[in-house]
Every structure is written in structure tokens, then in C-alpha cells.
């Protein structure tokens, strides 16, 4: 079964997170020695140091997560890492300052906190440099043997981005009966040997079943022997899902949706998700109230006191039910004067100056917290689309309707991993991420998506 832990919390990232948390925790002890002369002296005057060190480490680690520094499928260069760490540490420091103000019992003296943050910063940068140069590339890749050399096997070789190949290394391809190998698979072909012999000789960690035709051709005995010798056997779709964070709809059949693990939407999950939504939406509405008021003032200043502020638009929700989504108006009042639905485009001339800022920062979507409170949306889920687009896309894209098996979200896995999606082709690609979320959704995955949405906002990903 594919779970969030196998797709999100990969071994190298877990190791990195533990190492960085340890650096942050230990930095508080080092700061006590540097600033006041010893841990005992610090504890005599302010109490135990361990809880305060733990709070600093957790807050900073969450800030680094929010900067997208633990995304397995994302490739960033070292100069980008430096910027993200600096921004993350700055945000974490601001959160700690606010926490110390409201909860003085957990307060660290300013000189202790500053010394801890600055001393840990250098070690974090050094650790990331080593991780990107060595650990990330070489140590944790799974050695993957492919059984099949035709069209389906070609889907693995089609993973061109290095970020999509970070988790595995192809050690060979065994042609299956009836497969016509492609130019890409030909270079790694291994013939006239049993699956077990090849798996052992290549020291394979897993065998991916990627046959074009499995009827009567699957070497059950050989695969079982390999599994009994400690080699994992995995289906192609499951492998691609694990490595790319999406479901390849071109390879999916109805049986996969019916029998594969996941796609669970029972009453207990729905109740827990609703509780989670309310726990996030209520404080978000309270904290966001001043920002929403500022947005109202900005729209009025640009377009006049009589200009409408809230834009209500029909969208498709759970089980195809239509509801009105609430947003701050970011386009001209006559943006669709002919009444025809139009995709938003890059540098869309219909967007106002204030609207461009609201979209870039996602402030235009803050009113959707009231959709969440009303029950028509969730905090995390597939993005709701307009009925006109849904009808068109459902007719042309396989399994598009399945994304409506759960409530749409203010943010989501597809918004985190892909761009805006303003065409049929982009909608098709985004659907792959939506189906991944529908299959694997959990409260932990929701929490990870919410935290990492900060990266989308700060770096302006996908906004139009």
C-alpha cells in the first residue's frame, strides 16, 4: 500500500530532518555556554533548558518545511537552498518572538535565542551542502529492475526530470513475451536469464512489473522466488505514483481504482476531516480578518466606493453539487461581459492592479474560509472548477469526474505540485495530482500540504 510516509517522508529527508532538528536543539545548549557561561547557570536563573530548546527546534523545523526544503520531488539548487533557509529562519524567529510574548514561561533571553539561531545557521548551510552533493544523489536510491520492455516500461524511461529519478536507479530491463522494446529500453535489456538470476546479479532492491500484456505471461514462480529472497515486487502504476507523486491516468484502468488501496471516503474519515477543517478555518478567519479588511479598502481605493468587493462564482463541489465560491474580486467587473466562461491566462489584462497583488499572495482566496465553515469546501482538496469547464473536461479527460468524490479545497496537492492549470492539457496533468490526493488523503498529508502552501505563496507559484 502506498502511504503518505512512503511518498512524502522518504528516508533521506527523514534523516536530514532529524539531523537539522538535532542541530537546532543542541544550538540552544551551545548558546547557553557561550552567552552565560554554562547550562547550569542558565537553568539556575530561568529553569530547565530542554523544553525551550525543543520549542525552538520544532518551530524552526516547521518553518523550513514551509519553505519547501523537504519536498522529495522538487529539485532546488544550492543558492536557492540558502535563500529558503534564510527566509525560513527569519519566519521562525518571528514566530518564536510572538510565542515568547504570549507565553513568557517558555521565553529564551534574546541573547540566548540570537546566539542559538546564528550558530545553528552555519551548520544548517554546511549540512545542506553535504546533503545535496553526496547523500541526496548516491546513498538512498533504490536499485530497480524492470520486467517488461515495451510501451508501459517506456513510461519509466520517460521520467526525464532528475527530480523524478532521485529515488531509483535502473539496473536492467528484462523483456517480457510479446513486448516490442523501444529505443530507450533497448540499452538496458538483459536476455536469456531468469528473473531471480538477474535480480541477484544486479543486486536489485525491487522489480517493477511493466509488461504490455500480462495474460498468461507473468512469471509467477520466478517473481515469488525473488520476493522470498528479499526483492520487492511492485506494479508499474504504484511505482510511478511513488516516484512522481501523481497517478498516470493514461495507464489507469477501472480495476485499479476499484481494487488498489486508498480511495477511502468512509464516515469516520469525513468526520475527522471536518473537525480538522474547522480547527484550521476558525483561527484562519480570525487571524485573517485584518488582512481581509485591508483588501476591501484597497479594492475600494482603486475602483471606487461603489465597486463590488466579493466575487461569487458557481463551482462544482463534492459529488458534482454546485455551490458558490467566495473570493475577493481581482478582475474588472466586465471581465466576462458576454457571459462566457474564460480560462485565466498569464498576465491576463482583465486583472486589476490590486487584483494582481491579491492573486499573487493568495489573499483573494481568504473569503473561502467561510465556504469551509459553511461546509461546501475543505481546507485541503482538489481545486473547484466551474461547471462549464467540468462538463467539457469530463467529456475529454478520463476519470476527471473522480476528483469530485470529495470536497474541493482552498489549497491542495495539485496546487502545491503544479501550476495554475488554464487549459485542457494543464487540467489533464493537474488531474494526475488530484487523483493522487483523492487516493492517499490523510490528516497528516493535509497538515504537510498546509505547511508547504507557505512556499507557494512566498514564491508566487502558479498564480495568474
Protein backbone atom coordinates (compact mmCIF):
# COMPACT_ATOMS: atom_id res chain seq x y z
CA UNK A 1 0.00 0.00 0.00
CA UNK A 2 1.25 3.46 -0.89
CA UNK A 3 1.02 5.69 2.16
CA UNK A 4 1.96 9.28 2.83
CA UNK A 5 5.11 8.11 4.59
CA UNK A 6 6.47 6.31 1.50
CA UNK A 7 5.70 9.25 -0.75
CA UNK A 8 6.42 12.25 1.45
CA UNK A 9 8.73 11.21 4.27
CA UNK A 10 11.48 9.45 2.31
CA UNK A 11 14.48 8.05 4.17
CA UNK A 12 16.99 10.76 3.13
CA UNK A 13 14.56 13.53 4.04
CA UNK A 14 13.77 11.96 7.40
CA UNK A 15 17.49 11.64 8.08
CA UNK A 16 18.01 15.27 7.08
CA UNK A 17 15.11 16.46 9.25
CA UNK A 18 16.43 14.58 12.29
CA UNK A 19 19.93 15.97 11.74
CA UNK A 20 18.70 19.54 11.36
CA UNK A 21 16.40 19.26 14.36
CA UNK A 22 19.36 17.99 16.38
CA UNK A 23 21.48 20.95 15.27
CA UNK A 24 18.73 23.38 16.30
CA UNK A 25 18.19 21.66 19.65
CA UNK A 26 21.88 21.48 20.54
CA UNK A 27 22.41 25.10 19.45
CA UNK A 28 20.43 26.30 22.47
CA UNK A 29 22.78 24.42 24.82
CA UNK A 30 25.77 25.85 22.94
CA UNK A 31 24.28 29.34 23.23
CA UNK A 32 23.88 28.92 26.98
CA UNK A 33 27.56 28.06 27.28
CA UNK A 34 28.65 30.91 25.01
CA UNK A 35 26.35 33.62 26.39
CA UNK A 36 26.11 32.91 30.13
CA UNK A 37 28.99 30.55 30.81
CA UNK A 38 27.21 27.22 31.16
CA UNK A 39 23.94 25.27 31.11
CA UNK A 40 23.77 25.06 34.90
CA UNK A 41 24.00 28.83 35.25
CA UNK A 42 21.23 29.25 32.67
CA UNK A 43 18.94 26.73 34.38
CA UNK A 44 19.51 28.24 37.82
CA UNK A 45 18.08 31.54 36.62
CA UNK A 46 15.41 30.55 34.07
CA UNK A 47 14.55 26.88 34.63
CA UNK A 48 15.08 23.72 32.54
CA UNK A 49 16.62 24.33 29.14
CA UNK A 50 15.38 21.18 27.34
CA UNK A 51 11.73 22.27 26.79
CA UNK A 52 12.85 25.64 25.46
CA UNK A 53 15.38 24.03 23.15
CA UNK A 54 12.69 21.65 21.89
CA UNK A 55 10.28 24.52 21.15
CA UNK A 56 12.93 26.39 19.18
CA UNK A 57 13.83 23.26 17.20
CA UNK A 58 10.19 22.43 16.36
CA UNK A 59 9.27 25.98 15.30
CA UNK A 60 12.37 26.32 13.13
CA UNK A 61 11.88 22.88 11.57
CA UNK A 62 8.25 23.66 10.67
CA UNK A 63 9.43 26.93 9.12
CA UNK A 64 11.95 25.03 6.99
CA UNK A 65 9.23 22.59 5.93
CA UNK A 66 7.09 25.57 4.92
CA UNK A 67 9.90 26.75 2.66
CA UNK A 68 9.71 23.53 0.63
CA UNK A 69 13.05 22.22 1.88
CA UNK A 70 11.80 18.67 2.43
CA UNK A 71 9.97 18.01 -0.85
CA UNK A 72 11.29 14.83 -2.40
CA UNK A 73 10.07 15.57 -5.93
CA UNK A 74 11.45 19.09 -6.03
CA UNK A 75 14.92 19.86 -7.30
CA UNK A 76 16.47 23.08 -5.98
CA UNK A 77 19.98 24.45 -6.43
CA UNK A 78 22.20 25.35 -3.51
CA UNK A 79 21.78 29.11 -3.93
CA UNK A 80 18.00 28.57 -3.74
CA UNK A 81 18.51 26.46 -0.62
CA UNK A 82 20.44 29.31 1.03
CA UNK A 83 17.62 31.76 0.34
CA UNK A 84 14.96 29.35 1.59
CA UNK A 85 16.88 28.60 4.78
CA UNK A 86 17.40 32.30 5.48
CA UNK A 87 13.72 33.08 4.90
CA UNK A 88 12.66 30.08 6.96
CA UNK A 89 14.90 31.05 9.87
CA UNK A 90 13.60 34.64 9.70
CA UNK A 91 9.98 33.48 9.78
CA UNK A 92 10.74 31.01 12.57
CA UNK A 93 12.40 33.77 14.59
CA UNK A 94 9.32 35.98 14.19
CA UNK A 95 7.04 33.14 15.31
CA UNK A 96 9.28 32.47 18.33
CA UNK A 97 9.26 36.16 19.28
CA UNK A 98 5.44 36.15 19.20
CA UNK A 99 5.30 32.90 21.17
CA UNK A 100 7.68 34.25 23.81
CA UNK A 101 5.49 37.36 24.17
CA UNK A 102 2.29 35.39 24.74
CA UNK A 103 3.90 32.53 26.70
CA UNK A 104 6.70 34.11 28.77
CA UNK A 105 7.33 30.90 30.73
CA UNK A 106 8.95 29.43 27.58
CA UNK A 107 10.96 32.57 26.92
CA UNK A 108 14.63 32.44 25.99
CA UNK A 109 16.71 35.50 26.72
CA UNK A 110 17.19 37.49 23.48
CA UNK A 111 20.96 36.95 23.52
CA UNK A 112 20.50 33.18 24.03
CA UNK A 113 17.92 32.92 21.24
CA UNK A 114 20.00 35.07 18.86
CA UNK A 115 23.18 33.12 19.59
CA UNK A 116 21.36 29.80 19.07
CA UNK A 117 19.83 30.90 15.76
CA UNK A 118 23.02 32.35 14.28
CA UNK A 119 25.23 29.49 15.45
CA UNK A 120 22.85 26.88 14.00
CA UNK A 121 22.52 28.73 10.70
CA UNK A 122 26.07 27.98 9.62
CA UNK A 123 25.75 24.29 10.45
CA UNK A 124 22.42 24.08 8.59
CA UNK A 125 24.02 25.53 5.45
CA UNK A 126 27.01 23.18 5.69
CA UNK A 127 24.76 20.15 6.22
CA UNK A 128 22.62 21.06 3.21
CA UNK A 129 25.71 21.46 1.03
CA UNK A 130 26.93 17.98 2.01
CA UNK A 131 23.44 16.53 1.57
CA UNK A 132 22.98 17.93 -1.93
CA UNK A 133 26.45 16.84 -3.05
CA UNK A 134 26.53 13.32 -1.65
CA UNK A 135 23.66 11.86 0.38
CA UNK A 136 20.81 13.03 -1.83
CA UNK A 137 22.30 11.67 -5.03
CA UNK A 138 24.00 8.43 -4.17
CA UNK A 139 23.14 6.62 -0.99
CA UNK A 140 19.38 6.12 -0.86
CA UNK A 141 18.44 5.32 -4.44
CA UNK A 142 16.64 2.01 -4.87
CA UNK A 143 18.16 -0.33 -7.45
CA UNK A 144 15.25 -1.00 -9.80
CA UNK A 145 14.91 -3.93 -12.22
CA UNK A 146 12.15 -3.60 -14.83
CA UNK A 147 10.25 -6.64 -16.09
CA UNK A 148 8.90 -5.54 -19.46
CA UNK A 149 10.44 -3.58 -22.32
CA UNK A 150 7.50 -2.18 -24.30
CA UNK A 151 5.24 0.85 -24.11
CA UNK A 152 4.48 0.58 -20.40
CA UNK A 153 8.12 0.14 -19.46
CA UNK A 154 8.84 3.22 -21.55
CA UNK A 155 6.79 5.27 -19.05
CA UNK A 156 9.65 4.82 -16.55
CA UNK A 157 12.27 5.94 -19.05
CA UNK A 158 10.04 8.92 -19.90
CA UNK A 159 10.77 10.36 -16.46
CA UNK A 160 13.22 12.90 -17.80
CA UNK A 161 13.49 15.23 -14.81
CA UNK A 162 16.29 14.36 -12.41
CA UNK A 163 13.89 15.19 -9.57
CA UNK A 164 11.64 12.33 -10.73
CA UNK A 165 14.61 9.91 -10.76
CA UNK A 166 16.02 10.83 -7.36
CA UNK A 167 14.58 7.73 -5.69
CA UNK A 168 15.73 4.96 -8.02
CA UNK A 169 18.40 3.73 -10.42
CA UNK A 170 17.57 1.36 -13.28
CA UNK A 171 19.87 -1.66 -13.16
CA UNK A 172 18.35 -3.60 -16.02
CA UNK A 173 15.31 -4.36 -18.19
CA UNK A 174 14.06 -7.90 -18.82
CA UNK A 175 11.92 -8.22 -21.98
CA UNK A 176 8.58 -9.95 -21.42
CA UNK A 177 6.91 -12.22 -24.00
CA UNK A 178 5.07 -10.14 -26.58
CA UNK A 179 6.84 -6.86 -25.74
CA UNK A 180 8.38 -4.83 -28.52
CA UNK A 181 11.22 -2.95 -26.94
CA UNK A 182 11.68 0.75 -27.57
CA UNK A 183 14.91 2.61 -28.26
CA UNK A 184 15.01 3.79 -24.64
CA UNK A 185 14.60 0.32 -23.11
CA UNK A 186 16.96 -1.41 -25.54
CA UNK A 187 20.14 -0.15 -23.90
CA UNK A 188 19.37 -1.89 -20.59
CA UNK A 189 17.95 -5.18 -21.95
CA UNK A 190 19.04 -8.42 -20.26
CA UNK A 191 18.04 -11.62 -22.11
CA UNK A 192 18.08 -15.38 -21.61
CA UNK A 193 18.30 -15.35 -17.82
CA UNK A 194 15.70 -15.92 -15.12
CA UNK A 195 14.24 -13.01 -13.17
CA UNK A 196 15.81 -14.28 -9.95
CA UNK A 197 19.28 -14.61 -11.52
CA UNK A 198 19.13 -11.07 -12.88
CA UNK A 199 17.78 -9.64 -9.62
CA UNK A 200 20.58 -11.26 -7.60
CA UNK A 201 23.36 -10.43 -10.05
CA UNK A 202 22.34 -6.76 -10.27
CA UNK A 203 21.72 -6.54 -6.52
CA UNK A 204 18.22 -5.21 -7.26
CA UNK A 205 16.08 -3.85 -4.44
CA UNK A 206 12.84 -4.13 -6.39
CA UNK A 207 11.29 -5.49 -9.58
CA UNK A 208 8.75 -3.32 -11.38
CA UNK A 209 6.13 -5.23 -13.39
CA UNK A 210 5.74 -3.21 -16.60
CA UNK A 211 4.52 -5.76 -19.15
CA UNK A 212 2.33 -4.64 -22.04
CA UNK A 213 0.35 -7.90 -21.90
CA UNK A 214 0.18 -9.91 -18.66
CA UNK A 215 -2.30 -12.54 -19.79
CA UNK A 216 -0.56 -15.86 -19.32
CA UNK A 217 2.88 -14.24 -19.45
CA UNK A 218 3.56 -13.32 -15.82
CA UNK A 219 6.42 -15.48 -14.44
CA UNK A 220 4.74 -16.13 -11.09
CA UNK A 221 7.24 -18.70 -9.80
CA UNK A 222 10.29 -16.60 -10.64
CA UNK A 223 8.81 -13.45 -9.09
CA UNK A 224 7.83 -15.37 -5.96
CA UNK A 225 11.36 -16.77 -5.67
CA UNK A 226 12.77 -13.26 -5.97
CA UNK A 227 10.39 -11.93 -3.32
CA UNK A 228 11.34 -14.75 -0.97
CA UNK A 229 14.96 -13.67 -1.41
CA UNK A 230 14.13 -10.15 -0.21
CA UNK A 231 13.49 -8.37 -3.53
CA UNK A 232 10.31 -6.27 -3.56
CA UNK A 233 7.87 -6.76 -6.44
CA UNK A 234 5.81 -3.71 -7.36
CA UNK A 235 3.24 -2.79 -10.01
CA UNK A 236 4.13 -0.11 -12.57
CA UNK A 237 1.37 2.28 -11.50
CA UNK A 238 2.32 2.00 -7.85
CA UNK A 239 5.97 2.62 -8.74
CA UNK A 240 5.18 5.71 -10.83
CA UNK A 241 2.87 7.00 -8.11
CA UNK A 242 5.59 6.63 -5.51
CA UNK A 243 8.26 8.32 -7.60
CA UNK A 244 6.27 11.19 -9.13
CA UNK A 245 3.56 11.95 -6.57
CA UNK A 246 0.80 11.56 -9.17
CA UNK A 247 -1.31 8.89 -10.86
CA UNK A 248 -0.71 8.30 -14.57
CA UNK A 249 -4.25 8.34 -15.95
CA UNK A 250 -3.04 7.11 -19.35
CA UNK A 251 -2.15 3.76 -17.76
CA UNK A 252 -5.07 3.51 -15.32
CA UNK A 253 -7.99 1.14 -15.80
CA UNK A 254 -11.19 0.93 -13.71
CA UNK A 255 -9.88 -2.17 -11.93
CA UNK A 256 -7.01 -0.15 -10.49
CA UNK A 257 -9.39 2.38 -8.97
CA UNK A 258 -11.60 -0.37 -7.57
CA UNK A 259 -9.03 -2.76 -6.11
CA UNK A 260 -6.00 -0.64 -5.25
CA UNK A 261 -5.50 0.52 -1.66
CA UNK A 262 -6.72 4.02 -0.93
CA UNK A 263 -9.70 5.94 -2.31
CA UNK A 264 -11.36 5.55 1.10
CA UNK A 265 -14.07 8.07 1.98
CA UNK A 266 -15.89 6.46 4.91
CA UNK A 267 -17.92 8.37 7.53
CA UNK A 268 -15.11 8.33 10.13
CA UNK A 269 -12.66 9.94 7.69
CA UNK A 270 -15.24 12.54 6.68
CA UNK A 271 -15.95 13.46 10.32
CA UNK A 272 -12.24 13.71 11.15
CA UNK A 273 -11.60 15.84 8.08
CA UNK A 274 -14.49 18.13 9.03
CA UNK A 275 -13.09 18.60 12.53
CA UNK A 276 -9.69 19.34 11.03
CA UNK A 277 -11.24 21.87 8.62
CA UNK A 278 -12.97 23.74 11.43
CA UNK A 279 -9.84 23.68 13.59
CA UNK A 280 -7.93 25.42 10.78
CA UNK A 281 -10.67 27.64 9.31
CA UNK A 282 -11.85 29.30 12.54
CA UNK A 283 -8.44 30.68 13.63
CA UNK A 284 -7.63 31.47 9.98
CA UNK A 285 -10.75 33.63 9.71
CA UNK A 286 -9.89 35.40 12.97
CA UNK A 287 -6.23 36.00 12.14
CA UNK A 288 -7.05 36.87 8.53
CA UNK A 289 -9.75 39.41 9.41
CA UNK A 290 -7.37 42.44 9.38
CA UNK A 291 -5.88 41.29 6.06
CA UNK A 292 -9.36 40.88 4.55
CA UNK A 293 -10.31 44.35 5.79
CA UNK A 294 -7.18 45.79 4.16
CA UNK A 295 -8.11 44.02 0.89
CA UNK A 296 -11.57 45.60 0.98
CA UNK A 297 -10.06 49.06 1.48
CA UNK A 298 -7.53 48.53 -1.36
CA UNK A 299 -10.23 47.45 -3.83
CA UNK A 300 -12.40 50.43 -2.91
CA UNK A 301 -9.50 52.86 -3.24
CA UNK A 302 -8.64 51.58 -6.72
CA UNK A 303 -12.12 51.25 -8.19
CA UNK A 304 -14.36 53.49 -6.13
CA UNK A 305 -16.57 53.23 -3.09
CA UNK A 306 -19.37 51.53 -5.03
CA UNK A 307 -17.13 48.83 -6.52
CA UNK A 308 -18.12 45.27 -5.51
CA UNK A 309 -15.57 43.54 -3.30
CA UNK A 310 -16.65 39.90 -3.09
CA UNK A 311 -16.93 37.82 -6.24
CA UNK A 312 -19.26 34.82 -6.03
CA UNK A 313 -18.85 32.21 -8.74
CA UNK A 314 -20.52 28.85 -9.32
CA UNK A 315 -18.16 25.91 -8.83
CA UNK A 316 -18.55 22.12 -8.75
CA UNK A 317 -18.15 20.51 -5.34
CA UNK A 318 -18.40 17.05 -3.82
CA UNK A 319 -20.47 14.55 -5.82
CA UNK A 320 -21.00 17.16 -8.56
CA UNK A 321 -23.05 19.53 -6.39
CA UNK A 322 -22.75 23.16 -7.47
CA UNK A 323 -22.01 25.86 -4.87
CA UNK A 324 -20.91 29.50 -4.88
CA UNK A 325 -17.24 30.02 -4.07
CA UNK A 326 -16.33 33.35 -2.43
CA UNK A 327 -13.27 35.33 -3.49
CA UNK A 328 -12.11 38.90 -3.40
CA UNK A 329 -12.77 40.33 -6.84
CA UNK A 330 -9.46 40.55 -8.68
CA UNK A 331 -10.75 41.20 -12.23
CA UNK A 332 -12.67 44.04 -13.79
CA UNK A 333 -16.42 43.98 -13.27
CA UNK A 334 -16.91 43.37 -17.02
CA UNK A 335 -14.31 40.55 -17.19
CA UNK A 336 -16.88 38.18 -18.72
CA UNK A 337 -19.38 40.66 -20.11
CA UNK A 338 -20.51 38.22 -22.81
CA UNK A 339 -21.35 35.64 -20.14
CA UNK A 340 -18.94 33.01 -21.48
CA UNK A 341 -16.52 31.28 -19.09
CA UNK A 342 -12.89 32.01 -19.99
CA UNK A 343 -9.68 30.47 -18.61
CA UNK A 344 -7.42 32.90 -16.74
CA UNK A 345 -4.21 33.48 -18.68
CA UNK A 346 -0.68 34.59 -17.88
CA UNK A 347 -0.64 38.41 -17.48
CA UNK A 348 -4.41 38.46 -18.00
CA UNK A 349 -5.42 42.05 -18.99
CA UNK A 350 -8.72 41.67 -17.11
CA UNK A 351 -6.91 41.60 -13.74
CA UNK A 352 -6.74 44.89 -11.83
CA UNK A 353 -3.59 46.19 -10.18
CA UNK A 354 -4.86 45.38 -6.70
CA UNK A 355 -6.20 42.08 -8.03
CA UNK A 356 -2.77 41.09 -9.33
CA UNK A 357 -1.34 41.51 -5.83
CA UNK A 358 -4.25 39.67 -4.22
CA UNK A 359 -3.79 36.73 -6.60
CA UNK A 360 -0.02 36.63 -6.21
CA UNK A 361 -0.29 36.48 -2.42
CA UNK A 362 -3.45 34.30 -2.46
CA UNK A 363 -5.24 36.92 -0.33
CA UNK A 364 -8.08 36.79 -2.87
CA UNK A 365 -8.89 33.30 -1.58
CA UNK A 366 -9.20 34.21 2.12
CA UNK A 367 -13.03 34.53 1.92
CA UNK A 368 -13.10 30.84 1.08
CA UNK A 369 -12.60 30.20 4.80
CA UNK A 370 -16.33 30.98 5.03
CA UNK A 371 -17.00 28.33 2.37
CA UNK A 372 -15.11 25.92 4.62
CA UNK A 373 -17.08 26.99 7.69
CA UNK A 374 -20.29 26.54 5.70
CA UNK A 375 -19.29 23.01 4.68
CA UNK A 376 -19.11 23.39 0.89
CA UNK A 377 -15.29 23.25 0.85
CA UNK A 378 -12.39 21.76 2.82
CA UNK A 379 -9.11 23.41 3.68
CA UNK A 380 -7.29 20.80 1.55
CA UNK A 381 -8.67 19.12 -1.54
CA UNK A 382 -8.89 19.30 -5.34
CA UNK A 383 -9.37 22.83 -6.65
CA UNK A 384 -13.06 23.52 -7.52
CA UNK A 385 -13.71 24.22 -11.20
CA UNK A 386 -16.54 25.98 -12.96
CA UNK A 387 -19.44 23.81 -14.21
CA UNK A 388 -18.80 24.87 -17.81
CA UNK A 389 -15.20 23.64 -17.63
CA UNK A 390 -16.09 20.48 -15.71
CA UNK A 391 -18.60 19.40 -18.34
CA UNK A 392 -16.07 19.95 -21.10
CA UNK A 393 -13.15 18.33 -19.27
CA UNK A 394 -15.17 15.31 -18.08
CA UNK A 395 -16.07 14.52 -21.68
CA UNK A 396 -12.44 14.61 -22.84
CA UNK A 397 -10.26 13.53 -19.90
CA UNK A 398 -10.62 10.00 -18.45
CA UNK A 399 -11.53 9.81 -14.74
CA UNK A 400 -11.94 13.57 -14.40
CA UNK A 401 -15.22 13.14 -12.50
CA UNK A 402 -13.47 11.05 -9.81
CA UNK A 403 -11.84 14.20 -8.41
CA UNK A 404 -15.33 15.23 -7.21
CA UNK A 405 -15.60 12.28 -4.83
CA UNK A 406 -14.52 14.62 -2.02
CA UNK A 407 -14.94 18.28 -1.16
CA UNK A 408 -12.80 20.76 -3.07
CA UNK A 409 -10.11 22.60 -1.14
CA UNK A 410 -8.73 26.09 -0.63
CA UNK A 411 -5.29 24.55 -1.17
CA UNK A 412 -4.24 21.09 -2.26
CA UNK A 413 -1.64 18.63 -3.51
CA UNK A 414 -2.09 19.70 -7.15
CA UNK A 415 -1.76 23.39 -6.25
CA UNK A 416 1.44 22.54 -4.39
CA UNK A 417 2.98 20.44 -7.15
CA UNK A 418 1.75 22.05 -10.37
CA UNK A 419 0.97 25.39 -12.00
CA UNK A 420 -2.35 27.19 -12.31
CA UNK A 421 -3.87 24.90 -14.94
CA UNK A 422 -5.54 27.12 -17.53
CA UNK A 423 -6.01 24.75 -20.48
CA UNK A 424 -7.24 21.23 -21.17
CA UNK A 425 -3.69 19.90 -21.29
CA UNK A 426 -2.77 21.51 -17.97
CA UNK A 427 -6.07 20.35 -16.43
CA UNK A 428 -5.20 16.79 -17.50
CA UNK A 429 -1.78 17.00 -15.84
CA UNK A 430 -3.26 18.54 -12.71
CA UNK A 431 -5.81 15.72 -12.53
CA UNK A 432 -2.95 13.27 -12.03
CA UNK A 433 -2.04 15.06 -8.79
CA UNK A 434 -5.68 15.42 -7.74
CA UNK A 435 -6.25 11.66 -8.08
CA UNK A 436 -3.10 11.03 -6.07
CA UNK A 437 -4.55 13.13 -3.26
CA UNK A 438 -8.01 11.52 -3.52
CA UNK A 439 -6.31 8.12 -3.20
CA UNK A 440 -3.87 8.93 -0.39
CA UNK A 441 -5.50 11.73 1.59
CA UNK A 442 -4.97 11.74 5.35
CA UNK A 443 -4.83 14.32 8.13
CA UNK A 444 -1.02 14.10 8.16
CA UNK A 445 -0.84 14.73 4.41
CA UNK A 446 -3.30 17.63 4.84
CA UNK A 447 -1.10 19.15 7.52
CA UNK A 448 2.01 18.81 5.32
CA UNK A 449 0.20 20.48 2.41
CA UNK A 450 -0.96 23.39 4.59
CA UNK A 451 2.54 23.99 5.92
CA UNK A 452 4.12 23.82 2.46
CA UNK A 453 1.50 26.14 0.98
CA UNK A 454 3.57 28.93 2.53
CA UNK A 455 6.21 28.19 -0.11
CA UNK A 456 3.62 28.56 -2.89
CA UNK A 457 2.59 31.96 -1.53
CA UNK A 458 6.08 33.31 -0.86
CA UNK A 459 7.48 32.22 -4.24
CA UNK A 460 4.33 33.04 -6.19
CA UNK A 461 3.95 29.58 -7.71
CA UNK A 462 1.06 29.09 -10.13
CA UNK A 463 -0.63 32.45 -9.55
CA UNK A 464 -2.41 34.08 -12.53
